[in-house]
Amino acid sequence: MECKNCKSSLRDVDGFCSNCGARIIDERISFRFLFKEFLDKVLSVDNKLLNTFLHLFTKPEVVIDGFIKGVRKKYYNPVSYLLVSITLSGIYLYFLKDVALETLGVSSGSGSGNPFESPEFTKQFIDIFSDYQALFSVANIPIYGFVSWLVFLNKKKYNFYEHLIIYLYAASQIAILSFIVVVPIYFIDKEVSAIASLVMSAATFIYFGYVLIRLFKLTFFQFIIKTIYFSLISGFLFVIFSIATTVAIIFYMGPDYFNQFQPQNRNDSIQKIEQVDSIQLFKKNDSIKTLVLD
């Protein structure tokens, strides 16, 4: 038998060509073949992806610590797993755009100066967040990794870059789980899907804590102390990040854009009415004086 691509000789047991690396295909095209090719080439769905997802719940220390120590074939690598989660997050946010607008309580505007009371501004804000959700997701990971590295500096088990691997896996896991949980609920009840989305946001930190407990084998007391440290440092960085994000949005849209949401000074027509002394007015009327003299 020979390779159909490079004509090199092959053994019957070969699955790939040793010369060009091409996969040996000796079956005819059928529905089963096309379906398998679609899953493999387009969606890249295989047992590795399913095992990675399941084992990140049951034994996250095996997946994450194994990758850090060199086990690279058994599970999805963290970057590929992140790309899968970003794709699913894009679909997730696409469905929840309308729910987000309703949750923010968009009204026709009360002139209070709050731009989120403008449907136009709120829609643009959500569109920007949706368009750049991949950037926001990736930007959070170094922050989590840096805080985690500081909190567990005394453990000296992982360096900063290895902490990034922890949160690449953990953040991706929650994003994929959110898609699986929230999107089906959206088609049943939109209001319930908004609640489910908030629950999944809270579940993010619960899952992070679970992963850290398994990786560092923390006792309950150690976990509480580390959680306090983590909350203080991450809270400080969150304030800085929020300010930087707000400044970036203002710079992107321009200060003139926000001026339209400032409350307008309305002049009350009643305030314009001045008191008039009718007697003085009568005395100043020359025509009436002339009539009296005549």
Foldseek 3Di string as FASTA:
>chain_A
DADPPPRHDDDPPDQADPPPGHGDDDDDDDPVNVVVCCCCPPVVDDVQAVCLLVCCVVPVLCVLVVVVVPPDPNHDQLVVLLVNLLVLLLVVLVLCLVVVLVVLPADCADQALDCNVHPVVVSVVSVVCSVCVSVVLLVVLLVQLVLLCVLCVVVPPDHSVSSSSLCSSLSSSLSVVLSVPQVVVCVVPVNVSVVSNVVSVVVSVVSSLVSVCSNVVDDPVSSVVSVVSSCVSSVVVVVVVVVVVVVVVCVVVDVVVSVVSHRDDDDDPVVVDDDDDVVVVCVPDVVVVVVVVD
